[in-house]
Amino acid sequence: MEASSKKKQGEVASQPTQTTTTTETMPLMTTTVDPPTGQTSEEGLLSSAPVLAMTTTIATSEQATSLSMQNMMKEIEALELQMVELKEAKEKLANIEEKYDKSKQDVAEKAREVKALEKRIRELEKELTVDKTLAEVKRILWAKIGQSITDQWQSIETIHEQMDLISLAQFENQKARASLRNIPELANRMIQILNTRTSAQLAAIGIRSRTDTILLIKRVLTLRNFVQTLEKKCQEMQAEVNEFITKITALQSRGLPSVVTNIGRLLSHEHYAKRVNNYASNQITASSRTSEKIRPPSGQNLYDKLENMFYIEHEINHLFEDQPTFYRYTEADETLIKIQRHQLPIEDWWKGMIETLLR
């Protein structure tokens, strides 16, 4: 538009000013006398004709110049209007560009706000799930479970000592029963015979002391009694152990880590505490990785997810109705020691006595 205006200005400036000379033929006038001068009208006309022609020519030239100036002024005014219009257009363009830049800034700012809102929404969605609450509650519950295990650890050790003693007692009992065979029945018959014979009769068959002989025979019966007593004590301890095993197995099926090693030996309390802590950390981490989408937390929902842990905590606190002691253990161990130290009559003596009394 500015170039067009300049072009028009150049065209106007390059156009030459045209002067049009118009010669008018004056009509012949009637001759009259001008009273003041005494000249006739015809002479006046003739003398003034060149002047009139010149004046007309000048006037026409001035009118043409005036028209040319007017046209030029109109063109200038048109150019000025175009310049004003151009200026306004530029201002409008600048305003539009300014608004566009501001709009771009607003869009970028809005985009940042949208991203911030989306991030906050994700955070809120995560907070709306039960995962964060679950993680915190699980930490609390596992801490309580760990404390409950610590409180019960002495009783757990007692039970496992009983289990070890039961295993040893069963082994020793099997050995004792193998050595006894059917000897207790023979011993009772021998004692009956000895108590029904006179000293002379006994001396006749080579038995000098009834009492000493009966004491030797009764060693068999004593060993049998030790075996029976140990079995009874082991059964009592085994009932306590079985109750413990049933409860601890149920707890392990609900998620409690095992208290024993791969070979069945009881862990130390320190090692078991580390095992529980590692298990709890892994469980909480795994739960967070497999988080659910938005789901309003409810009491029932939380309870369903934490039921096993509540069960574990409760059952550990009630793992033993009566705290186990070493009374049965001591009695069984005492009997076991008696069995290990007990000596039966030698094999040759026993065979000779059978031949003497039961032939």
Protein backbone atom coordinates (compact mmCIF):
# COMPACT_ATOMS: atom_id res chain seq x y z
CA MET A 1 0.00 0.00 0.00
CA GLU A 2 2.84 2.42 0.82
CA ALA A 3 4.53 1.62 -2.49
CA SER A 4 1.28 2.30 -4.35
CA SER A 5 0.96 5.68 -2.66
CA LYS A 6 4.50 6.63 -3.60
CA LYS A 7 3.84 5.56 -7.18
CA LYS A 8 0.78 7.74 -7.39
CA GLN A 9 2.73 10.70 -5.97
CA GLY A 10 5.35 10.25 -8.63
CA GLU A 11 2.78 10.09 -11.38
CA VAL A 12 1.21 13.32 -10.16
CA ALA A 13 4.53 15.07 -9.94
CA SER A 14 5.56 13.96 -13.46
CA GLN A 15 2.46 15.28 -15.15
CA PRO A 16 3.13 18.80 -16.80
CA THR A 17 0.83 21.66 -16.11
CA GLN A 18 -1.21 22.28 -19.22
CA THR A 19 -2.23 25.94 -20.06
CA THR A 20 -5.10 26.39 -22.45
CA THR A 21 -5.15 29.76 -24.31
CA THR A 22 -8.58 30.70 -25.46
CA THR A 23 -8.97 33.60 -27.93
CA GLU A 24 -12.41 34.96 -28.07
CA THR A 25 -13.59 37.11 -31.06
CA MET A 26 -15.34 40.05 -29.76
CA PRO A 27 -18.46 41.15 -31.82
CA LEU A 28 -18.51 44.43 -33.69
CA MET A 29 -20.13 47.01 -31.58
CA THR A 30 -22.16 50.04 -32.74
CA THR A 31 -20.10 53.24 -32.80
CA THR A 32 -20.96 55.54 -29.97
CA VAL A 33 -19.41 58.60 -28.49
CA ASP A 34 -18.07 58.54 -25.02
CA PRO A 35 -19.01 61.91 -23.69
CA PRO A 36 -16.16 62.40 -21.28
CA THR A 37 -13.37 61.78 -23.71
CA GLY A 38 -14.97 62.70 -26.93
CA GLN A 39 -13.90 59.40 -28.48
CA THR A 40 -16.21 57.19 -30.29
CA SER A 41 -17.15 53.76 -28.84
CA GLU A 42 -15.65 52.01 -31.82
CA GLU A 43 -12.26 53.52 -31.19
CA GLY A 44 -12.44 52.49 -27.52
CA LEU A 45 -13.21 48.96 -28.44
CA LEU A 46 -10.46 48.80 -30.93
CA SER A 47 -7.93 50.19 -28.50
CA SER A 48 -8.97 47.82 -25.64
CA ALA A 49 -9.15 44.60 -27.69
CA PRO A 50 -5.55 43.45 -27.05
CA VAL A 51 -5.93 44.07 -23.36
CA LEU A 52 -9.09 42.01 -23.15
CA ALA A 53 -7.50 39.19 -25.07
CA MET A 54 -4.50 39.13 -22.75
CA THR A 55 -6.69 39.32 -19.66
CA THR A 56 -8.81 36.42 -20.89
CA THR A 57 -5.73 34.39 -21.63
CA ILE A 58 -4.32 34.99 -18.12
CA ALA A 59 -7.60 34.19 -16.47
CA THR A 60 -7.93 30.95 -18.38
CA SER A 61 -4.36 30.02 -17.52
CA GLU A 62 -5.02 30.74 -13.82
CA GLN A 63 -8.17 28.68 -13.89
CA ALA A 64 -6.29 25.73 -15.43
CA THR A 65 -3.55 26.07 -12.85
CA SER A 66 -6.13 26.24 -10.09
CA LEU A 67 -7.79 23.08 -11.37
CA SER A 68 -4.43 21.32 -11.56
CA MET A 69 -3.63 22.36 -7.99
CA GLN A 70 -7.03 21.20 -6.86
CA ASN A 71 -6.46 17.86 -8.50
CA MET A 72 -3.04 17.67 -6.92
CA MET A 73 -4.47 18.55 -3.51
CA LYS A 74 -7.11 15.91 -3.96
CA GLU A 75 -4.44 13.38 -4.82
CA ILE A 76 -2.39 14.45 -1.81
CA GLU A 77 -5.44 14.24 0.40
CA ALA A 78 -6.10 10.78 -1.04
CA LEU A 79 -2.51 9.82 -0.34
CA GLU A 80 -2.77 11.22 3.19
CA LEU A 81 -5.94 9.17 3.71
CA GLN A 82 -4.13 6.12 2.40
CA MET A 83 -1.21 6.87 4.73
CA VAL A 84 -3.63 7.17 7.66
CA GLU A 85 -5.32 3.96 6.59
CA LEU A 86 -1.90 2.30 6.28
CA LYS A 87 -0.91 3.55 9.70
CA GLU A 88 -4.14 2.26 11.18
CA ALA A 89 -3.66 -1.05 9.43
CA LYS A 90 -0.13 -1.30 10.83
CA GLU A 91 -1.39 -0.45 14.31
CA LYS A 92 -4.12 -3.06 13.98
CA LEU A 93 -1.55 -5.58 12.78
CA ALA A 94 0.73 -4.72 15.70
CA ASN A 95 -2.20 -5.13 18.11
CA ILE A 96 -3.10 -8.43 16.52
CA GLU A 97 0.50 -9.62 16.73
CA GLU A 98 0.68 -8.46 20.34
CA LYS A 99 -2.56 -10.26 21.13
CA TYR A 100 -1.28 -13.32 19.27
CA ASP A 101 1.97 -13.30 21.25
CA LYS A 102 0.00 -12.86 24.44
CA SER A 103 -2.33 -15.62 23.31
CA LYS A 104 0.65 -17.91 22.74
CA GLN A 105 1.91 -17.05 26.21
CA ASP A 106 -1.53 -17.72 27.63
CA VAL A 107 -1.66 -21.04 25.79
CA ALA A 108 1.78 -22.02 27.13
CA GLU A 109 0.75 -20.95 30.61
CA LYS A 110 -2.50 -22.87 30.30
CA ALA A 111 -0.55 -25.90 29.09
CA ARG A 112 1.68 -25.69 32.17
CA GLU A 113 -1.36 -25.36 34.36
CA VAL A 114 -2.95 -28.37 32.67
CA LYS A 115 0.20 -30.42 33.23
CA ALA A 116 0.31 -29.35 36.88
CA LEU A 117 -3.35 -30.24 37.27
CA GLU A 118 -2.84 -33.62 35.61
CA LYS A 119 0.07 -34.33 37.95
CA ARG A 120 -2.01 -33.32 40.95
CA ILE A 121 -4.89 -35.46 39.71
CA ARG A 122 -2.58 -38.46 39.50
CA GLU A 123 -1.37 -37.77 43.02
CA LEU A 124 -4.94 -37.44 44.25
CA GLU A 125 -5.93 -40.61 42.43
CA LYS A 126 -3.08 -42.41 44.12
CA GLU A 127 -4.14 -41.01 47.46
CA LEU A 128 -7.72 -42.04 46.76
CA THR A 129 -6.66 -45.68 46.36
CA VAL A 130 -6.17 -47.89 49.39
CA ASP A 131 -2.47 -48.45 48.59
CA LYS A 132 -1.06 -45.60 50.67
CA THR A 133 -3.31 -46.42 53.58
CA LEU A 134 -2.59 -50.11 53.19
CA ALA A 135 1.16 -49.57 53.21
CA GLU A 136 1.00 -47.53 56.40
CA VAL A 137 -1.35 -49.97 58.15
CA LYS A 138 0.78 -52.92 57.06
CA ARG A 139 3.88 -51.31 58.55
CA ILE A 140 2.03 -50.82 61.82
CA LEU A 141 0.64 -54.35 61.84
CA TRP A 142 3.96 -55.95 60.98
CA ALA A 143 5.58 -53.96 63.77
CA LYS A 144 2.93 -55.29 66.16
CA ILE A 145 3.38 -58.82 64.82
CA GLY A 146 7.12 -58.55 65.33
CA GLN A 147 6.61 -57.39 68.91
CA SER A 148 4.14 -60.22 69.57
CA ILE A 149 6.65 -62.74 68.22
CA THR A 150 9.30 -61.26 70.49
CA ASP A 151 6.97 -61.65 73.46
CA GLN A 152 6.28 -65.29 72.55
CA TRP A 153 9.78 -66.22 71.48
CA GLN A 154 10.76 -67.84 74.78
CA SER A 155 7.75 -70.14 74.60
CA ILE A 156 8.55 -70.94 70.96
CA GLU A 157 12.08 -71.90 72.00
CA THR A 158 10.64 -74.05 74.80
CA ILE A 159 8.44 -75.92 72.36
CA HIS A 160 11.33 -76.53 69.99
CA GLU A 161 13.50 -77.82 72.83
CA GLN A 162 10.69 -80.22 73.67
CA MET A 163 10.56 -81.29 70.04
CA ASP A 164 14.28 -82.03 70.11
CA LEU A 165 13.91 -84.01 73.33
CA ILE A 166 10.97 -85.98 71.90
CA SER A 167 13.07 -86.98 68.90
CA LEU A 168 15.92 -88.14 71.14
CA ALA A 169 13.55 -89.95 73.53
CA GLN A 170 11.87 -91.81 70.67
CA PHE A 171 15.26 -92.94 69.42
CA GLU A 172 16.32 -94.18 72.88
CA ASN A 173 12.98 -95.88 73.44
CA GLN A 174 13.32 -97.81 70.22
CA LYS A 175 16.74 -99.05 71.32
CA ALA A 176 15.43 -100.05 74.76
CA ARG A 177 12.45 -101.92 73.28
CA ALA A 178 14.75 -103.75 70.93
CA SER A 179 16.88 -104.90 73.86
CA LEU A 180 13.88 -105.96 75.96
CA ARG A 181 12.06 -108.03 73.34
CA ASN A 182 9.85 -110.55 75.29
CA ILE A 183 12.09 -110.58 78.37
CA PRO A 184 9.57 -108.74 80.65
CA GLU A 185 7.08 -111.66 80.39
CA LEU A 186 9.85 -114.15 81.23
CA ALA A 187 11.01 -111.97 84.11
CA ASN A 188 7.56 -112.04 85.73
CA ARG A 189 7.46 -115.83 85.51
CA MET A 190 10.96 -116.06 87.02
CA ILE A 191 10.05 -113.80 89.92
CA GLN A 192 6.94 -115.91 90.56
CA ILE A 193 9.04 -119.10 90.68
CA LEU A 194 11.64 -117.54 92.96
CA ASN A 195 8.94 -116.38 95.35
CA THR A 196 7.39 -119.87 95.51
CA ARG A 197 10.55 -121.90 96.20
CA THR A 198 12.31 -122.45 99.46
CA SER A 199 15.86 -121.46 100.03
CA ALA A 200 16.88 -125.13 99.95
CA GLN A 201 15.14 -125.64 96.62
CA LEU A 202 16.82 -122.58 95.22
CA ALA A 203 20.19 -123.66 96.52
CA ALA A 204 19.68 -127.00 94.85
CA ILE A 205 19.45 -125.28 91.46
CA GLY A 206 22.40 -123.01 92.17
CA ILE A 207 20.65 -119.83 93.40
CA ARG A 208 22.18 -118.72 96.65
CA SER A 209 20.23 -115.47 97.16
CA ARG A 210 16.60 -115.13 96.20
CA THR A 211 16.58 -111.34 96.74
CA ASP A 212 19.72 -110.62 94.72
CA THR A 213 18.43 -112.75 91.88
CA ILE A 214 15.05 -111.03 91.89
CA LEU A 215 16.74 -107.59 91.89
CA LEU A 216 18.71 -108.53 88.80
CA ILE A 217 15.58 -109.84 87.08
CA LYS A 218 13.64 -106.71 88.00
CA ARG A 219 16.11 -104.60 86.04
CA VAL A 220 14.25 -105.76 82.98
CA LEU A 221 10.93 -104.63 84.45
CA THR A 222 12.49 -101.36 85.59
CA LEU A 223 13.71 -100.62 82.07
CA ARG A 224 10.27 -101.43 80.71
CA ASN A 225 8.75 -98.98 83.22
CA PHE A 226 11.24 -96.30 82.20
CA VAL A 227 10.30 -96.81 78.56
CA GLN A 228 6.59 -96.58 79.30
CA THR A 229 7.06 -93.49 81.48
CA LEU A 230 9.15 -91.78 78.82
CA GLU A 231 6.56 -92.58 76.18
CA LYS A 232 3.84 -91.03 78.35
CA LYS A 233 5.87 -87.89 78.97
CA CYS A 234 6.69 -87.64 75.28
CA GLN A 235 3.00 -88.01 74.40
CA GLU A 236 2.13 -85.15 76.76
CA MET A 237 4.82 -82.96 75.27
CA GLN A 238 3.86 -84.04 71.76
CA ALA A 239 0.27 -82.91 72.34
CA GLU A 240 1.57 -79.47 73.27
CA VAL A 241 3.91 -79.49 70.31
CA ASN A 242 1.13 -80.58 67.92
CA GLU A 243 -1.08 -77.74 69.11
CA PHE A 244 1.75 -75.31 68.48
CA ILE A 245 2.48 -76.80 65.03
CA THR A 246 -1.18 -76.58 64.05
CA LYS A 247 -1.35 -72.91 64.99
CA ILE A 248 2.00 -71.92 63.50
CA THR A 249 1.18 -73.76 60.25
CA ALA A 250 -2.10 -71.84 59.99
CA LEU A 251 -0.22 -68.59 60.58
CA GLN A 252 2.33 -69.45 57.90
CA SER A 253 -0.46 -70.21 55.43
CA ARG A 254 -1.77 -66.68 56.12
CA GLY A 255 1.60 -65.07 55.41
CA LEU A 256 3.77 -65.43 58.52
CA PRO A 257 7.37 -66.36 57.60
CA SER A 258 8.58 -69.75 58.79
CA VAL A 259 10.42 -69.84 62.12
CA VAL A 260 12.71 -72.69 61.07
CA THR A 261 15.50 -73.19 58.56
CA ASN A 262 15.38 -75.43 55.51
CA ILE A 263 16.54 -78.37 57.65
CA GLY A 264 13.93 -77.74 60.33
CA ARG A 265 16.11 -76.02 62.93
CA LEU A 266 14.70 -73.08 64.85
CA LEU A 267 16.15 -69.73 63.82
CA SER A 268 17.62 -67.42 66.38
CA HIS A 269 15.38 -64.55 67.37
CA GLU A 270 17.69 -62.04 65.68
CA HIS A 271 17.65 -63.91 62.36
CA TYR A 272 13.92 -64.43 62.48
CA ALA A 273 13.31 -60.73 63.17
CA LYS A 274 15.34 -59.89 60.04
CA ARG A 275 13.34 -62.44 58.04
CA VAL A 276 10.06 -60.88 59.14
CA ASN A 277 11.26 -57.34 58.36
CA ASN A 278 12.46 -58.33 54.89
CA TYR A 279 9.23 -60.17 54.18
CA ALA A 280 7.13 -57.20 55.31
CA SER A 281 9.15 -54.75 53.18
CA ASN A 282 8.84 -56.96 50.10
CA GLN A 283 5.11 -57.40 50.64
CA ILE A 284 4.50 -53.66 50.97
CA THR A 285 6.63 -52.92 47.89
CA ALA A 286 4.88 -55.58 45.81
CA SER A 287 1.51 -54.23 46.89
CA SER A 288 2.48 -50.72 45.74
CA ARG A 289 3.66 -51.97 42.33
CA THR A 290 0.38 -53.76 41.71
CA SER A 291 -1.75 -50.82 42.82
CA GLU A 292 -5.38 -50.62 41.87
CA LYS A 293 -6.92 -47.76 39.96
CA ILE A 294 -9.28 -45.34 41.59
CA ARG A 295 -11.37 -47.18 44.08
CA PRO A 296 -12.85 -45.41 47.08
CA PRO A 297 -11.36 -46.91 50.24
CA SER A 298 -13.87 -48.47 52.58
CA GLY A 299 -13.67 -50.25 55.88
CA GLN A 300 -14.63 -53.56 54.30
CA ASN A 301 -12.14 -53.13 51.48
CA LEU A 302 -9.31 -52.43 53.92
CA TYR A 303 -10.35 -55.30 56.16
CA ASP A 304 -10.43 -57.74 53.26
CA LYS A 305 -6.87 -56.81 52.36
CA LEU A 306 -5.63 -56.84 55.96
CA GLU A 307 -7.64 -59.75 57.34
CA ASN A 308 -4.69 -62.14 57.26
CA MET A 309 -2.49 -59.72 59.15
CA PHE A 310 -5.14 -59.11 61.79
CA TYR A 311 -5.50 -62.87 62.09
CA ILE A 312 -1.73 -63.34 62.45
CA GLU A 313 -1.43 -60.66 65.11
CA HIS A 314 -4.35 -62.09 67.12
CA GLU A 315 -3.22 -65.71 66.89
CA ILE A 316 0.36 -64.96 67.84
CA ASN A 317 -0.86 -63.23 70.96
CA HIS A 318 -2.89 -66.40 71.72
CA LEU A 319 -0.36 -68.87 70.42
CA PHE A 320 -0.23 -70.60 73.81
CA GLU A 321 -3.21 -70.91 76.10
CA ASP A 322 -0.79 -71.82 78.85
CA GLN A 323 2.78 -70.78 78.53
CA PRO A 324 4.89 -73.94 78.10
CA THR A 325 7.30 -74.81 80.89
CA PHE A 326 10.06 -77.35 81.33
CA TYR A 327 8.30 -79.49 83.95
CA ARG A 328 7.37 -82.26 81.52
CA TYR A 329 10.62 -81.72 79.71
CA THR A 330 12.61 -82.21 82.91
CA GLU A 331 10.67 -85.33 83.89
CA ALA A 332 11.08 -86.80 80.44
CA ASP A 333 14.75 -85.90 80.33
CA GLU A 334 15.27 -87.45 83.76
CA THR A 335 13.64 -90.68 82.61
CA LEU A 336 15.71 -90.61 79.45
CA ILE A 337 18.89 -90.32 81.46
CA LYS A 338 17.80 -93.29 83.59
CA ILE A 339 17.23 -95.36 80.46
CA GLN A 340 20.62 -94.42 79.07
CA ARG A 341 22.32 -95.33 82.34
CA HIS A 342 20.29 -98.47 83.07
CA GLN A 343 22.05 -101.82 82.69
CA LEU A 344 20.32 -105.13 82.09
CA PRO A 345 21.77 -108.45 83.31
CA ILE A 346 24.41 -109.75 80.96
CA GLU A 347 23.22 -112.02 78.18
CA ASP A 348 24.91 -115.19 79.48
CA TRP A 349 23.50 -114.78 82.97
CA TRP A 350 20.05 -114.24 81.56
CA LYS A 351 20.21 -117.33 79.37
CA GLY A 352 21.42 -119.44 82.32
CA MET A 353 18.62 -118.17 84.51
CA ILE A 354 16.06 -119.08 81.86
CA GLU A 355 17.49 -122.58 81.68
CA THR A 356 17.51 -122.93 85.46
CA LEU A 357 14.05 -121.59 86.27
CA LEU A 358 12.01 -122.16 83.12
CA ARG A 359 13.28 -125.45 81.78
